[in-house]
N, C-alpha and C. Protein backbone atom coordinates (compact mmCIF):
# COMPACT_ATOMS: atom_id res chain seq x y z
N MET A 1 9.94 12.11 -19.40
CA MET A 1 9.72 11.96 -17.95
C MET A 1 10.79 11.13 -17.41
N ALA A 2 11.45 11.70 -16.31
CA ALA A 2 12.48 11.01 -15.57
C ALA A 2 11.97 10.11 -14.39
N LEU A 3 12.38 9.02 -14.30
CA LEU A 3 12.07 8.14 -13.17
C LEU A 3 12.73 8.38 -11.94
N GLU A 4 12.11 8.42 -10.75
CA GLU A 4 12.84 8.74 -9.55
C GLU A 4 12.95 7.48 -8.75
N GLU A 5 13.85 7.16 -7.97
CA GLU A 5 13.98 5.96 -7.16
C GLU A 5 13.75 6.41 -5.72
N HIS A 6 12.84 5.72 -4.94
CA HIS A 6 12.54 6.06 -3.61
C HIS A 6 12.66 4.74 -2.72
N PRO A 7 12.99 4.86 -1.48
CA PRO A 7 13.03 3.65 -0.54
C PRO A 7 11.79 3.06 -0.18
N GLY A 8 11.27 2.29 -1.09
CA GLY A 8 9.97 1.57 -0.80
C GLY A 8 10.12 0.21 -0.34
N SER A 9 9.05 -0.47 0.08
CA SER A 9 9.08 -1.77 0.33
C SER A 9 7.70 -2.41 0.29
N TRP A 10 7.64 -3.77 0.32
CA TRP A 10 6.22 -4.29 0.34
C TRP A 10 6.25 -5.64 1.11
N THR A 11 5.12 -6.03 1.67
CA THR A 11 4.98 -7.09 2.48
C THR A 11 3.68 -7.94 1.92
N TYR A 12 3.53 -9.16 2.22
CA TYR A 12 2.39 -10.05 1.92
C TYR A 12 2.03 -10.76 3.08
N ASP A 13 0.71 -10.78 3.51
CA ASP A 13 0.19 -11.53 4.60
C ASP A 13 -0.67 -12.63 4.02
N PRO A 14 -0.24 -13.84 4.03
CA PRO A 14 -1.00 -15.00 3.36
C PRO A 14 -2.32 -15.20 4.05
N GLU A 15 -2.35 -15.07 5.39
CA GLU A 15 -3.61 -15.26 6.11
C GLU A 15 -4.65 -14.16 5.64
N ALA A 16 -4.39 -12.96 5.56
CA ALA A 16 -5.22 -11.89 5.11
C ALA A 16 -5.35 -11.91 3.60
N GLU A 17 -4.50 -12.56 2.86
CA GLU A 17 -4.46 -12.59 1.42
C GLU A 17 -4.26 -10.96 1.00
N ALA A 18 -3.38 -10.30 1.62
CA ALA A 18 -3.26 -8.90 1.36
C ALA A 18 -1.67 -8.53 1.10
N ALA A 19 -1.40 -7.78 0.12
CA ALA A 19 -0.14 -7.14 -0.03
C ALA A 19 -0.12 -5.66 0.36
N TYR A 20 1.03 -5.26 0.83
CA TYR A 20 1.07 -3.83 1.10
C TYR A 20 2.33 -3.23 0.61
N VAL A 21 2.24 -2.09 -0.16
CA VAL A 21 3.41 -1.51 -0.75
C VAL A 21 3.60 -0.17 -0.02
N CYS A 22 4.75 0.14 0.67
CA CYS A 22 5.07 1.28 1.23
C CYS A 22 5.97 2.19 0.08
N LEU A 23 5.44 3.26 -0.37
CA LEU A 23 6.07 3.93 -1.33
C LEU A 23 7.18 4.77 -1.00
N ARG A 24 7.40 5.20 0.17
CA ARG A 24 8.53 6.17 0.62
C ARG A 24 9.05 5.57 1.87
N GLY A 25 9.27 4.38 2.06
CA GLY A 25 9.94 3.82 3.29
C GLY A 25 8.79 3.53 4.28
N PRO A 26 9.19 3.11 5.46
CA PRO A 26 8.22 2.75 6.51
C PRO A 26 7.37 3.97 6.85
N ILE A 27 6.02 3.61 7.20
CA ILE A 27 5.11 4.50 7.56
C ILE A 27 4.92 4.55 9.09
N PRO A 28 5.26 5.73 9.69
CA PRO A 28 5.34 5.66 11.13
C PRO A 28 3.88 5.61 11.77
N PRO A 29 3.71 5.17 12.88
CA PRO A 29 2.42 5.12 13.55
C PRO A 29 1.70 6.38 13.49
N GLY A 30 0.50 6.52 13.03
CA GLY A 30 -0.28 7.72 12.81
C GLY A 30 0.16 8.54 11.51
N GLY A 31 1.06 7.80 10.77
CA GLY A 31 1.44 8.49 9.50
C GLY A 31 0.41 8.45 8.45
N VAL A 32 -0.62 7.63 8.55
CA VAL A 32 -1.82 7.67 7.49
C VAL A 32 -2.94 8.60 8.00
N ALA A 33 -3.17 9.59 7.25
CA ALA A 33 -4.10 10.54 7.55
C ALA A 33 -5.62 10.07 7.03
N ARG A 34 -5.53 9.34 5.96
CA ARG A 34 -6.87 8.90 5.29
C ARG A 34 -6.59 7.74 4.46
N THR A 35 -7.63 6.95 4.43
CA THR A 35 -7.59 5.63 3.52
C THR A 35 -8.67 5.84 2.38
N VAL A 36 -8.32 5.62 1.21
CA VAL A 36 -9.33 5.69 0.13
C VAL A 36 -9.43 4.42 -0.55
N THR A 37 -10.73 3.89 -0.76
CA THR A 37 -10.96 2.57 -1.36
C THR A 37 -11.24 2.79 -2.78
N VAL A 38 -10.49 2.06 -3.58
CA VAL A 38 -10.68 2.06 -5.12
C VAL A 38 -10.81 0.67 -5.62
N ASP A 39 -11.56 0.53 -6.89
CA ASP A 39 -11.77 -0.78 -7.32
C ASP A 39 -12.39 -1.73 -6.33
N GLY A 40 -13.60 -1.19 -5.84
CA GLY A 40 -14.36 -2.05 -4.90
C GLY A 40 -13.47 -2.36 -3.59
N PRO A 41 -13.52 -3.52 -3.11
CA PRO A 41 -12.85 -3.78 -1.81
C PRO A 41 -11.39 -4.31 -2.13
N MET A 42 -10.90 -4.24 -3.31
CA MET A 42 -9.64 -4.81 -3.70
C MET A 42 -8.45 -3.96 -3.48
N VAL A 43 -8.53 -2.66 -3.56
CA VAL A 43 -7.33 -1.80 -3.46
C VAL A 43 -7.64 -0.62 -2.50
N ASN A 44 -6.84 -0.32 -1.57
CA ASN A 44 -6.94 0.79 -0.69
C ASN A 44 -5.70 1.62 -0.78
N LEU A 45 -5.87 3.02 -0.85
CA LEU A 45 -4.69 3.87 -1.01
C LEU A 45 -4.67 4.66 0.43
N ASP A 46 -3.47 4.66 0.99
CA ASP A 46 -3.26 5.42 2.26
C ASP A 46 -2.56 6.69 1.93
N LEU A 47 -3.18 7.76 2.42
CA LEU A 47 -2.66 9.15 2.11
C LEU A 47 -2.07 9.72 3.30
N ASP A 48 -1.03 10.75 3.07
CA ASP A 48 -0.57 11.33 4.18
C ASP A 48 -1.43 12.64 4.35
N GLU A 49 -1.06 13.63 5.21
CA GLU A 49 -1.83 14.77 5.61
C GLU A 49 -1.97 15.66 4.39
N SER A 50 -1.05 15.57 3.44
CA SER A 50 -1.04 16.48 2.30
C SER A 50 -1.75 15.87 1.11
N GLY A 51 -2.34 14.64 1.28
CA GLY A 51 -3.10 13.94 0.24
C GLY A 51 -2.25 13.11 -0.74
N ARG A 52 -0.92 12.96 -0.32
CA ARG A 52 -0.12 12.10 -1.28
C ARG A 52 -0.14 10.63 -0.85
N VAL A 53 -0.17 9.91 -1.93
CA VAL A 53 -0.26 8.40 -1.61
C VAL A 53 1.06 7.92 -0.94
N ILE A 54 1.00 7.24 0.13
CA ILE A 54 2.19 6.80 0.88
C ILE A 54 2.23 5.24 0.91
N GLY A 55 1.05 4.57 0.68
CA GLY A 55 0.98 3.20 0.73
C GLY A 55 -0.19 2.65 0.03
N ILE A 56 -0.05 1.44 -0.56
CA ILE A 56 -1.11 0.83 -1.32
C ILE A 56 -1.29 -0.63 -0.74
N GLU A 57 -2.59 -0.99 -0.36
CA GLU A 57 -3.09 -2.27 0.08
C GLU A 57 -3.80 -2.85 -1.18
N ILE A 58 -3.30 -4.14 -1.42
CA ILE A 58 -3.98 -4.95 -2.48
C ILE A 58 -4.64 -6.17 -1.87
N LEU A 59 -5.85 -6.38 -1.88
CA LEU A 59 -6.44 -7.61 -1.29
C LEU A 59 -6.71 -8.54 -2.28
N ALA A 60 -5.89 -9.57 -2.41
CA ALA A 60 -5.99 -10.64 -3.40
C ALA A 60 -5.03 -11.72 -3.01
N ALA A 61 -5.58 -13.01 -3.37
CA ALA A 61 -4.55 -14.12 -3.09
C ALA A 61 -3.36 -14.10 -3.85
N TRP A 62 -2.22 -14.44 -3.37
CA TRP A 62 -0.84 -14.50 -4.08
C TRP A 62 -0.94 -15.53 -5.14
N PRO A 63 -0.63 -15.33 -6.42
CA PRO A 63 -0.64 -16.39 -7.39
C PRO A 63 0.12 -17.63 -6.95
N GLY A 64 -0.44 -18.79 -6.97
CA GLY A 64 0.26 -19.97 -6.60
C GLY A 64 0.07 -20.32 -5.20
N ALA A 65 -0.39 -19.40 -4.33
CA ALA A 65 -0.52 -19.67 -2.88
C ALA A 65 -1.70 -20.60 -2.76
N SER A 66 -1.53 -21.61 -1.74
CA SER A 66 -2.63 -22.44 -1.47
C SER A 66 -3.20 -22.29 -0.05
């Protein structure tokens, strides 16, 4: 299996205790067609119109954050 590189990015909001990973670059307004919750309220997957995962939200405190 060959690994592919894609222009992804991630952010962390300490107030919301949430990290967000954009898998293929910035997501334009209206680019998320559907959000699927997995692992209870801890992980949300944002999907495009074709059902591909384009973003991942992780709801958890950052290690070492106070």
